[in-house]
């Protein structure tokens, strides 16, 4: 079997598809993190003296107390 030759069009299409997948994944991650940080900011508004860090919140550690009346 010899080397398979790919045209420049196939190379460009592959690079474009890979970049598109990367952009969609990064966008999903950004939306997820930004919504989690908005929820953390809401939690801090009613519990300003909490010892919970942003990283702990982002990793899923949630306190038992809640802000809802």
Protein backbone atom coordinates (compact mmCIF):
# COMPACT_ATOMS: atom_id res chain seq x y z
CA UNK A 1 0.00 0.00 0.00
CA UNK A 2 1.31 3.36 -0.95
CA UNK A 3 0.90 6.65 0.78
CA UNK A 4 -2.53 8.15 0.48
CA UNK A 5 -2.43 11.63 -0.94
CA UNK A 6 -4.94 14.13 0.30
CA UNK A 7 -5.86 17.22 -1.62
CA UNK A 8 -5.52 20.66 -0.12
CA UNK A 9 -9.33 20.86 -0.09
CA UNK A 10 -9.56 17.79 2.17
CA UNK A 11 -6.90 19.23 4.46
CA UNK A 12 -8.71 22.58 4.73
CA UNK A 13 -12.06 20.87 5.34
CA UNK A 14 -10.54 18.72 8.08
CA UNK A 15 -8.93 21.71 9.78
CA UNK A 16 -12.19 23.68 9.54
CA UNK A 17 -14.18 20.79 11.05
CA UNK A 18 -11.68 20.39 13.88
CA UNK A 19 -11.71 24.11 14.64
CA UNK A 20 -15.51 24.13 14.62
CA UNK A 21 -15.66 21.23 17.09
CA UNK A 22 -13.16 23.00 19.34
CA UNK A 23 -15.15 26.25 19.24
CA UNK A 24 -18.42 24.49 20.10
CA UNK A 25 -16.80 22.65 23.02
CA UNK A 26 -15.17 25.83 24.34
CA UNK A 27 -18.46 27.72 24.03
CA UNK A 28 -20.30 25.03 25.99
CA UNK A 29 -17.67 25.11 28.71
CA UNK A 30 -17.84 28.91 28.88
CA UNK A 31 -21.63 28.90 29.22
CA UNK A 32 -21.51 26.24 31.91
CA UNK A 33 -18.86 28.05 33.98
CA UNK A 34 -20.49 31.46 33.61
CA UNK A 35 -23.89 30.16 34.73
CA UNK A 36 -22.27 28.41 37.73
CA UNK A 37 -20.49 31.63 38.72
CA UNK A 38 -23.77 33.57 38.42
CA UNK A 39 -25.37 31.08 40.81
CA UNK A 40 -22.41 31.46 43.17
CA UNK A 41 -22.77 35.25 43.11
CA UNK A 42 -26.47 34.88 43.95
CA UNK A 43 -25.55 32.58 46.85
CA UNK A 44 -22.99 35.11 48.13
CA UNK A 45 -25.62 37.86 48.07
CA UNK A 46 -27.58 36.16 50.86
CA UNK A 47 -24.64 34.40 52.59
CA UNK A 48 -21.75 36.90 52.47
CA UNK A 49 -19.75 35.27 55.29
CA UNK A 50 -19.54 31.83 53.74
CA UNK A 51 -16.21 30.02 53.60
CA UNK A 52 -17.06 28.40 50.28
CA UNK A 53 -14.67 29.32 47.46
CA UNK A 54 -15.50 29.70 43.77
CA UNK A 55 -13.48 26.60 42.96
CA UNK A 56 -15.41 24.50 45.48
CA UNK A 57 -18.68 25.80 44.04
CA UNK A 58 -17.55 25.05 40.49
CA UNK A 59 -16.53 21.51 41.48
CA UNK A 60 -20.03 20.87 42.82
CA UNK A 61 -19.73 21.32 46.57
CA UNK A 62 -23.01 22.94 47.64
CA UNK A 63 -23.97 23.96 51.18
CA UNK A 64 -27.10 22.65 52.85
CA UNK A 65 -28.46 26.10 53.66
CA UNK A 66 -30.32 27.90 50.93
CA UNK A 67 -31.41 31.47 50.21
CA UNK A 68 -35.01 30.69 49.33
CA UNK A 69 -37.58 32.00 51.81
